[in-house]
Protein backbone atom coordinates (compact mmCIF):
# COMPACT_ATOMS: atom_id res chain seq x y z
CA MET A 1 -242.37 32.54 -28.27
CA LYS A 2 -241.07 36.11 -28.63
CA LYS A 3 -242.84 37.24 -25.45
CA SER A 4 -241.42 34.30 -23.53
CA ARG A 5 -237.89 35.09 -24.71
CA GLY A 6 -238.36 38.76 -23.77
CA ARG A 7 -239.49 37.87 -20.25
CA THR A 8 -236.58 35.45 -19.83
CA GLY A 9 -234.19 38.10 -21.13
CA ARG A 10 -235.58 40.68 -18.67
CA LYS A 11 -235.34 38.15 -15.84
CA ARG A 12 -231.77 37.32 -16.83
CA ARG A 13 -230.86 41.02 -16.98
CA ARG A 14 -232.49 41.62 -13.57
CA LYS A 15 -230.70 38.60 -12.13
CA HIS A 16 -227.38 39.78 -13.61
CA LEU A 17 -227.94 43.31 -12.28
CA LYS A 18 -228.87 41.96 -8.83
CA SER A 19 -225.78 39.73 -8.75
CA PHE A 20 -223.63 42.73 -9.73
CA MET A 21 -225.21 44.88 -7.00
CA ASP A 22 -224.57 42.10 -4.46
CA GLY A 23 -221.08 41.40 -5.81
CA VAL A 24 -219.55 39.28 -8.55
CA ASN A 25 -217.84 36.21 -7.06
CA CYS A 26 -214.13 36.09 -8.02
CA SER A 27 -213.20 32.79 -6.29
CA HIS A 28 -212.54 31.17 -9.69
CA LYS A 29 -209.69 33.60 -10.50
CA LEU A 30 -206.29 31.92 -10.47
CA GLU A 31 -204.67 34.38 -8.02
CA TYR A 32 -207.42 33.69 -5.41
CA ILE A 33 -207.27 29.91 -5.94
CA LYS A 34 -203.51 30.03 -5.30
CA LEU A 35 -203.93 32.31 -2.28
CA LYS A 36 -206.56 30.03 -0.68
CA LYS A 37 -204.37 26.95 -1.29
CA TRP A 38 -201.37 28.77 0.23
CA LEU A 39 -203.41 29.82 3.29
CA LYS A 40 -204.79 26.29 3.73
CA GLU A 41 -201.22 24.93 3.85
CA ARG A 42 -200.64 27.33 6.78
CA GLY A 43 -203.68 26.10 8.72
CA PHE A 44 -206.40 28.49 7.51
CA GLU A 45 -209.78 26.77 7.47
CA ASP A 46 -212.03 27.89 4.63
CA SER A 47 -214.51 30.47 5.92
CA ASN A 48 -217.82 31.60 4.41
CA LEU A 49 -216.09 34.56 2.78
CA ARG A 50 -215.49 34.77 -0.96
CA PRO A 51 -213.49 37.39 -2.89
CA ALA A 52 -215.81 39.49 -5.05
CA GLU A 53 -216.03 42.70 -7.07
CA PHE A 54 -218.60 45.20 -5.81
CA TRP A 55 -220.20 48.12 -7.64
CA GLU A 56 -219.37 50.76 -5.01
CA THR A 57 -216.29 49.49 -3.20
CA GLY A 58 -214.42 47.46 -5.84
CA ARG A 59 -212.66 44.38 -4.48
CA GLY A 60 -213.95 42.97 -1.19
CA LEU A 61 -215.32 39.85 0.53
CA MET A 62 -218.89 38.53 0.37
CA THR A 63 -220.50 36.06 2.74
CA THR A 64 -222.09 32.82 1.49
CA LYS A 65 -224.31 32.59 4.58
CA PRO A 66 -226.20 35.18 6.67
CA LEU A 67 -224.13 36.62 9.54
CA GLN A 68 -225.60 37.46 12.95
CA ALA A 69 -224.21 39.76 15.64
CA GLY A 70 -221.61 37.81 17.62
CA ASP A 71 -220.51 35.61 14.69
CA LEU A 72 -216.84 34.99 13.96
CA ILE A 73 -216.14 36.52 10.53
CA ILE A 74 -212.60 35.25 10.05
CA SER A 75 -209.83 33.52 12.03
CA LEU A 76 -206.36 33.76 10.50
CA PRO A 77 -203.67 31.51 12.05
CA GLU A 78 -200.41 33.10 13.21
CA LYS A 79 -198.49 31.24 10.45
CA CYS A 80 -200.41 33.27 7.84
CA LEU A 81 -199.47 36.65 9.37
CA LEU A 82 -196.51 38.64 8.10
CA THR A 83 -194.78 40.30 11.07
CA THR A 84 -191.27 41.35 12.13
CA SER A 85 -190.79 37.74 13.34
CA THR A 86 -191.30 36.64 9.71
CA VAL A 87 -188.65 39.16 8.62
CA LEU A 88 -186.13 38.06 11.26
CA SER A 89 -186.52 34.38 10.34
CA SER A 90 -185.78 35.20 6.66
CA CYS A 91 -182.35 35.72 5.05
CA LEU A 92 -182.67 39.42 5.98
CA GLY A 93 -182.67 38.57 9.72
CA GLY A 94 -178.89 38.31 10.19
CA HIS A 95 -178.27 41.61 8.41
CA ILE A 96 -180.95 43.41 10.46
CA VAL A 97 -179.56 42.08 13.76
CA LYS A 98 -176.04 43.33 12.91
CA TRP A 99 -177.03 46.74 11.54
CA LYS A 100 -176.40 49.81 13.69
CA PRO A 101 -178.21 52.05 14.44
CA PRO A 102 -181.13 49.59 14.60
CA VAL A 103 -183.77 49.79 11.87
CA SER A 104 -187.42 50.47 12.72
CA PRO A 105 -189.99 47.62 12.65
CA LEU A 106 -191.70 49.54 9.81
CA LEU A 107 -188.51 49.64 7.70
CA ALA A 108 -187.89 45.93 8.37
CA LEU A 109 -191.35 45.07 6.97
CA CYS A 110 -190.91 47.40 3.98
CA THR A 111 -187.50 45.86 3.19
CA PHE A 112 -188.97 42.34 3.38
CA LEU A 113 -191.85 43.22 1.02
CA ILE A 114 -189.47 44.77 -1.55
CA ALA A 115 -187.05 41.80 -1.34
CA GLU A 116 -189.84 39.20 -1.67
CA LYS A 117 -191.45 41.05 -4.58
CA HIS A 118 -188.05 41.14 -6.31
CA SER A 119 -187.64 37.36 -5.73
CA GLY A 120 -190.73 36.72 -7.88
CA GLU A 121 -191.44 33.00 -8.34
CA LYS A 122 -188.87 32.06 -5.67
CA SER A 123 -190.72 33.93 -2.89
CA PRO A 124 -192.77 31.76 -0.50
CA TRP A 125 -195.03 34.82 -0.13
CA LYS A 126 -195.77 35.10 -3.86
CA PRO A 127 -199.47 34.05 -3.62
CA TYR A 128 -200.03 36.96 -1.20
CA LEU A 129 -197.88 39.46 -3.11
CA ASP A 130 -199.83 38.66 -6.30
CA VAL A 131 -203.12 39.93 -4.81
CA LEU A 132 -201.64 43.12 -3.32
CA PRO A 133 -202.36 46.37 -5.22
CA GLN A 134 -199.57 47.32 -7.62
CA THR A 135 -200.25 51.01 -6.99
CA TYR A 136 -201.93 52.96 -4.18
CA THR A 137 -204.29 55.94 -4.14
CA CYS A 138 -202.93 57.61 -0.97
CA PRO A 139 -202.07 61.35 -1.26
CA ALA A 140 -198.44 60.50 -0.40
CA CYS A 141 -198.19 58.99 -3.92
CA TRP A 142 -199.74 61.96 -5.72
CA GLN A 143 -198.16 64.72 -7.77
CA PRO A 144 -197.83 68.14 -6.03
CA ASP A 145 -200.44 69.82 -8.26
CA VAL A 146 -203.10 67.33 -7.04
CA ILE A 147 -202.00 67.59 -3.37
CA ASN A 148 -202.37 71.39 -3.70
CA LEU A 149 -206.12 70.95 -4.35
CA LEU A 150 -206.71 69.29 -0.96
CA PRO A 151 -208.25 71.23 1.96
CA LYS A 152 -205.48 73.10 3.84
CA PRO A 153 -205.18 70.85 6.96
CA LEU A 154 -205.15 67.68 4.80
CA LYS A 155 -202.74 69.21 2.27
CA LYS A 156 -200.29 69.91 5.12
CA LYS A 157 -200.55 66.34 6.45
CA ALA A 158 -200.17 64.82 2.96
CA GLN A 159 -197.02 66.92 2.34
CA GLU A 160 -195.63 65.86 5.73
CA GLN A 161 -196.34 62.20 4.94
CA LYS A 162 -194.62 62.48 1.55
CA MET A 163 -191.58 64.13 3.19
CA MET A 164 -191.51 61.38 5.83
CA ILE A 165 -191.28 58.65 3.14
CA GLN A 166 -188.57 60.65 1.33
CA GLU A 167 -186.61 60.98 4.59
CA LEU A 168 -187.06 57.24 5.31
CA PHE A 169 -185.65 56.48 1.86
CA ARG A 170 -182.72 58.89 2.29
CA SER A 171 -181.81 57.57 5.75
CA SER A 172 -182.12 53.90 4.68
CA LYS A 173 -179.78 53.95 1.67
CA ALA A 174 -176.75 52.73 3.65
CA PHE A 175 -178.81 49.89 5.17
CA PHE A 176 -180.11 48.86 1.74
CA SER A 177 -176.52 48.85 0.41
CA SER A 178 -175.47 46.52 3.25
CA LEU A 179 -177.85 43.88 1.82
CA GLN A 180 -175.87 43.63 -1.45
CA PRO A 181 -174.42 40.13 -0.62
CA LEU A 182 -178.01 38.76 -0.80
CA PHE A 183 -178.66 39.98 -4.36
CA ALA A 184 -177.11 39.51 -7.80
CA GLU A 185 -178.56 42.81 -9.01
CA LYS A 186 -177.49 46.19 -7.55
CA THR A 187 -179.48 47.02 -4.40
CA GLY A 188 -179.85 50.59 -5.71
CA ASN A 189 -182.05 49.22 -8.52
CA ILE A 190 -184.09 46.96 -6.22
CA PHE A 191 -184.60 49.28 -3.23
CA ASN A 192 -185.45 52.43 -5.20
CA TYR A 193 -187.85 55.18 -4.11
CA SER A 194 -190.93 53.85 -5.91
CA ALA A 195 -190.36 50.38 -4.37
CA LEU A 196 -190.17 51.89 -0.86
CA GLU A 197 -193.24 54.05 -1.49
CA TRP A 198 -195.19 50.94 -2.58
CA ALA A 199 -194.01 48.92 0.46
CA TRP A 200 -194.72 51.80 2.88
CA CYS A 201 -198.26 52.17 1.50
CA THR A 202 -198.79 48.40 1.74
CA VAL A 203 -197.89 48.45 5.45
CA ASN A 204 -199.73 51.71 6.19
CA THR A 205 -203.00 50.76 4.48
CA ARG A 206 -203.20 47.03 5.20
CA THR A 207 -201.71 46.12 8.58
CA VAL A 208 -203.78 45.09 11.57
CA TYR A 209 -202.75 46.07 15.12
CA MET A 210 -200.78 43.35 16.89
CA LYS A 211 -198.34 44.14 19.68
CA HIS A 212 -195.00 42.31 19.62
CA PRO A 213 -192.38 42.04 22.37
CA ARG A 214 -189.58 44.62 22.26
CA ARG A 215 -186.43 43.40 20.47
CA GLU A 216 -182.96 44.93 20.77
CA CYS A 217 -182.36 44.63 17.03
CA PHE A 218 -185.12 47.17 16.33
CA SER A 219 -185.34 50.89 17.13
CA LEU A 220 -187.66 52.16 19.86
CA GLU A 221 -190.67 52.74 17.56
CA PRO A 222 -193.64 50.52 18.47
CA ASP A 223 -193.64 47.08 16.84
CA VAL A 224 -197.41 46.75 16.32
CA TYR A 225 -197.82 45.67 12.69
CA ALA A 226 -199.13 42.47 11.13
CA LEU A 227 -200.03 41.98 7.48
CA ALA A 228 -203.02 39.64 7.28
CA PRO A 229 -203.49 37.96 3.87
CA TYR A 230 -207.14 37.47 2.77
CA LEU A 231 -208.40 39.27 5.89
CA ASP A 232 -207.07 42.51 4.38
CA LEU A 233 -209.59 42.22 1.53
CA LEU A 234 -212.32 43.32 3.97
CA ASN A 235 -213.44 46.89 3.24
CA HIS A 236 -214.35 49.66 5.69
CA SER A 237 -217.79 50.94 6.57
CA PRO A 238 -218.37 53.59 9.26
CA ASN A 239 -221.77 51.99 10.00
CA VAL A 240 -220.62 48.59 11.30
CA GLN A 241 -219.02 47.47 14.53
CA VAL A 242 -216.54 44.63 14.96
CA LYS A 243 -214.20 43.21 17.58
CA ALA A 244 -210.74 42.46 16.21
CA ALA A 245 -207.67 41.15 18.07
CA PHE A 246 -205.06 38.43 18.20
CA ASN A 247 -206.38 35.51 20.26
CA GLU A 248 -203.55 34.16 22.46
CA GLN A 249 -205.44 30.86 23.06
CA THR A 250 -206.12 29.98 19.40
CA ARG A 251 -202.94 31.81 18.18
CA SER A 252 -205.06 33.41 15.47
CA TYR A 253 -206.10 36.93 14.50
CA GLU A 254 -209.89 36.99 14.84
CA ILE A 255 -212.66 39.35 13.78
CA TRP A 256 -216.12 39.09 15.33
CA THR A 257 -219.08 41.05 13.98
CA SER A 258 -221.51 43.08 16.05
CA SER A 259 -223.76 43.63 13.01
CA GLN A 260 -225.93 41.48 10.76
CA CYS A 261 -225.10 40.77 7.12
CA LYS A 262 -227.33 39.10 4.53
CA LYS A 263 -226.22 36.18 2.36
CA TYR A 264 -224.15 37.22 -0.70
CA GLN A 265 -223.70 40.77 0.60
CA GLU A 266 -220.35 42.43 1.18
CA VAL A 267 -218.92 41.96 4.67
CA PHE A 268 -217.53 45.17 6.11
CA ILE A 269 -215.33 45.93 9.08
CA CYS A 270 -214.67 49.32 10.68
CA TYR A 271 -211.14 50.72 10.61
CA GLY A 272 -212.16 53.21 13.31
CA PRO A 273 -214.42 56.29 13.66
CA HIS A 274 -212.38 58.21 11.05
CA ASP A 275 -213.49 61.25 9.08
CA ASN A 276 -212.99 61.30 5.30
CA GLN A 277 -209.79 63.37 5.45
CA ARG A 278 -208.19 60.71 7.67
CA LEU A 279 -209.53 57.85 5.49
CA LEU A 280 -208.09 59.46 2.36
CA LEU A 281 -204.75 60.26 4.00
CA GLU A 282 -204.18 56.82 5.55
CA TYR A 283 -206.09 54.44 3.28
CA GLY A 284 -206.61 56.23 -0.03
CA PHE A 285 -210.43 56.25 -0.20
CA VAL A 286 -213.45 58.35 0.80
CA ALA A 287 -216.61 56.95 2.47
CA MET A 288 -219.92 58.34 1.19
CA ASP A 289 -222.25 59.90 3.80
CA ASN A 290 -219.69 59.25 6.53
CA PRO A 291 -221.30 60.22 9.88
CA HIS A 292 -217.83 60.90 11.34
CA SER A 293 -216.87 63.38 8.64
CA SER A 294 -216.29 67.05 9.26
CA VAL A 295 -214.70 70.06 7.58
CA TYR A 296 -211.66 71.51 9.34
CA VAL A 297 -211.19 75.25 9.81
CA SER A 298 -207.49 76.14 9.70
CA ALA A 299 -206.14 78.87 12.00
CA ASP A 300 -205.38 80.96 8.87
CA THR A 301 -209.00 80.77 7.71
CA LEU A 302 -210.29 81.55 11.20
CA LEU A 303 -208.15 84.68 11.54
CA LYS A 304 -209.22 86.09 8.14
CA PHE A 305 -212.36 87.28 9.93
CA PHE A 306 -210.59 89.27 12.68
CA SER A 307 -208.60 92.45 12.20
CA PRO A 308 -204.85 91.93 12.79
CA LEU A 309 -204.74 95.65 13.70
CA ASP A 310 -206.94 95.00 16.73
CA LYS A 311 -204.58 94.99 19.74
CA GLN A 312 -206.84 92.50 21.49
CA THR A 313 -206.69 89.95 18.64
CA LYS A 314 -203.07 89.01 19.38
CA ALA A 315 -203.87 88.43 23.05
CA LYS A 316 -206.92 86.32 22.17
CA VAL A 317 -204.98 84.23 19.62
CA SER A 318 -202.25 83.70 22.21
CA ILE A 319 -204.87 82.46 24.73
CA LEU A 320 -206.40 80.07 22.17
CA LYS A 321 -202.97 78.77 21.19
CA ASP A 322 -201.97 78.15 24.83
CA GLN A 323 -205.25 76.33 25.46
CA ASP A 324 -204.92 74.24 22.24
CA TYR A 325 -208.02 75.87 20.71
CA LEU A 326 -206.62 76.63 17.25
CA GLU A 327 -206.68 72.96 16.16
CA ASN A 328 -209.59 70.56 15.44
CA LEU A 329 -212.11 73.35 14.81
CA THR A 330 -214.76 71.87 12.54
CA PHE A 331 -218.13 72.03 10.80
CA GLY A 332 -220.07 68.75 10.86
CA TRP A 333 -223.44 67.35 9.85
CA GLU A 334 -224.88 68.99 13.00
CA GLY A 335 -223.32 72.41 12.42
CA PRO A 336 -220.24 74.10 13.90
CA SER A 337 -218.43 72.10 16.58
CA TRP A 338 -218.49 73.10 20.25
CA ARG A 339 -214.77 73.90 20.04
CA LEU A 340 -215.21 76.18 17.02
CA LEU A 341 -218.01 78.15 18.70
CA ARG A 342 -215.98 78.55 21.92
CA ALA A 343 -212.96 79.80 19.94
CA LEU A 344 -215.17 82.29 18.07
CA GLU A 345 -216.73 83.52 21.32
CA VAL A 346 -213.25 84.24 22.72
CA LEU A 347 -212.21 86.03 19.51
CA ASN A 348 -215.39 88.13 19.59
CA LEU A 349 -215.00 89.24 23.23
CA ALA A 350 -215.05 92.99 23.83
CA ALA A 351 -211.98 94.47 25.60
CA GLU A 352 -213.83 94.71 28.92
CA GLU A 353 -214.99 91.06 28.64
CA LEU A 354 -211.58 89.50 27.90
CA ALA A 355 -211.09 88.39 31.51
CA CYS A 356 -214.03 85.96 30.97
CA TRP A 357 -212.17 83.81 28.39
CA ARG A 358 -211.57 80.90 30.79
CA ARG A 359 -215.27 80.61 31.70
CA ILE A 360 -216.18 80.49 27.99
CA LEU A 361 -213.67 77.72 27.16
CA LEU A 362 -215.03 75.71 30.10
CA GLY A 363 -218.53 75.97 28.59
CA GLY A 364 -219.93 78.75 30.74
CA ASP A 365 -222.42 81.39 29.61
CA THR A 366 -221.45 84.42 27.57
CA SER A 367 -223.32 87.64 26.76
CA ALA A 368 -226.12 87.60 24.16
CA ARG A 369 -224.11 90.08 22.04
CA ASN A 370 -221.03 87.82 22.11
CA GLU A 371 -223.01 84.70 21.23
CA GLU A 372 -224.74 86.50 18.34
CA GLN A 373 -221.41 87.76 16.96
CA ALA A 374 -219.81 84.29 17.24
CA LEU A 375 -222.71 82.70 15.31
CA GLY A 376 -222.50 85.46 12.70
CA THR A 377 -218.76 84.87 12.24
CA ALA A 378 -219.34 81.10 12.02
CA ALA A 379 -221.87 81.71 9.21
CA LYS A 380 -219.34 83.92 7.33
CA ILE A 381 -216.57 81.30 7.69
CA CYS A 382 -218.95 78.59 6.52
CA GLN A 383 -219.92 80.63 3.45
CA PHE A 384 -216.24 81.35 2.70
CA LEU A 385 -215.44 77.61 2.84
CA ILE A 386 -218.45 76.81 0.60
CA GLU A 387 -217.16 79.22 -2.05
CA GLU A 388 -213.59 77.93 -1.69
CA THR A 389 -214.78 74.30 -2.09
CA GLN A 390 -216.91 75.18 -5.13
CA HIS A 391 -213.87 76.88 -6.69
CA VAL A 392 -211.73 73.74 -6.13
CA LEU A 393 -214.45 71.56 -7.70
CA LEU A 394 -214.37 73.82 -10.75
CA GLN A 395 -210.57 73.51 -10.96
CA ILE A 396 -210.85 69.72 -10.72
CA SER A 397 -213.36 69.48 -13.58
CA GLN A 398 -211.01 71.55 -15.78
CA LEU A 399 -207.95 69.46 -14.84
CA LYS A 400 -209.83 66.21 -15.52
CA ARG A 401 -210.37 67.41 -19.09
CA ASP A 402 -206.76 68.52 -19.59
CA LYS A 403 -204.76 65.84 -17.72
CA GLU A 404 -205.90 62.28 -18.39
CA ASN A 405 -203.11 60.75 -16.24
CA LEU A 406 -204.36 62.58 -13.11
CA LYS A 407 -207.97 61.38 -13.37
CA PRO A 408 -207.86 58.72 -10.56
CA PRO A 409 -206.47 61.02 -7.80
CA LEU A 410 -208.58 63.95 -9.07
CA ALA A 411 -211.71 61.79 -8.78
CA LEU A 412 -210.86 61.15 -5.10
CA VAL A 413 -210.30 64.85 -4.35
CA GLU A 414 -213.58 65.60 -6.16
CA LEU A 415 -215.41 63.03 -4.03
CA LEU A 416 -213.89 64.45 -0.81
CA CYS A 417 -214.78 68.05 -1.78
CA SER A 418 -218.33 67.07 -2.82
CA GLU A 419 -218.86 65.40 0.57
CA GLU A 420 -217.39 68.44 2.39
CA LEU A 421 -219.62 70.78 0.37
CA LYS A 422 -222.69 68.80 1.55
CA ILE A 423 -221.53 69.16 5.18
CA LEU A 424 -220.89 72.91 4.80
CA GLN A 425 -224.28 73.48 3.14
CA LYS A 426 -225.97 71.58 5.97
CA SER A 427 -224.01 73.64 8.55
CA ALA A 428 -224.97 76.89 6.76
CA GLU A 429 -228.64 75.89 6.96
CA ILE A 430 -228.33 75.10 10.70
CA LEU A 431 -226.53 78.41 11.38
CA CYS A 432 -229.19 80.32 9.45
CA ASN A 433 -231.87 78.81 11.71
CA TRP A 434 -229.80 79.55 14.86
CA ASN A 435 -229.19 83.15 13.78
CA LEU A 436 -232.91 83.62 13.11
CA GLY A 437 -233.55 82.19 16.58
CA THR A 438 -231.19 84.62 18.30
């Protein structure tokens, strides 16, 4: 009897582990039952997708039947989508139409989300609002001491994004005040900075692209957003391909897969061929072994390896700047990028060779000496970035011990840096082989 129980226990454990690796079905949870009922009332026909918790990605959607290339994953009727049309048909519409200068489509959506969240039980959008994240993991929400740990190009973009939200809040205060007749509570308490930050992140991380006709009541910024309840539970993978668009015939937003997916596995879509820095900045996550990922070399880092006293350096930097060759210089899984090597060849040109810069940037041949020096400099930059990344990883491990409240964002920076370290080590290996070859 004991043996039999042991075998059954092992089988049960294996079955439980397998189900957890596949994903734990969450359809029974009240918030998903209410969401599905709400969607059904708006014409959504139950698909083969079920909300589930996954080991690696957290919340996502699993399929209850195998998917083949060319299958329709999901079709969400127009009535389920939250767009600027939704906002204009709400009690906010009249105030938006009257307000001058016109608000942006983005601000209109943010205002609607904050107002509906404040309405609580009274909001017709409550079933959707209840499944939205309460907080976001985008760098724009982080404290400055965590943002400072990011690689230089990403740190700059994260700071710019944070300043952009702050400026949006500052410039929208008068508009928010004009909405006071709609609320019993002071608008200053409802439309505060943290509420706008949450709404901005909701729109930025979760909208699908859907072009809307230009309206006079909105500013000139493109009106291309649509929040898609249930559909926005689909997670990103860089290794899948999908077709996604609003279908004018069916009046639904549709996603079609170009990949296969086994029964009970997580269904992924692709947000685009983004590297990890872009994924973290815009969506608040990092993809493991992302084939699109690369490590950016800032102009400051590049110029550390060339003497500022060299009269030629200024001329070369000026050429690279004019030709837009000081941006998007990277190391990837296949070594230094073509752009980085061309920039280094120009910077390594001897005085008598400087006239050849145009030929080099167009991909023409250079001297053996110049090529050798460029590869040598690339190896030095790569080594410098390896050491810099290792130092940041050390700082993160110390901060994780000292500051419990910063653990979630620190874990994301750690993951990004670990992935970048792998890329740099691979690039260093490739450069070593190239240098041996030359």
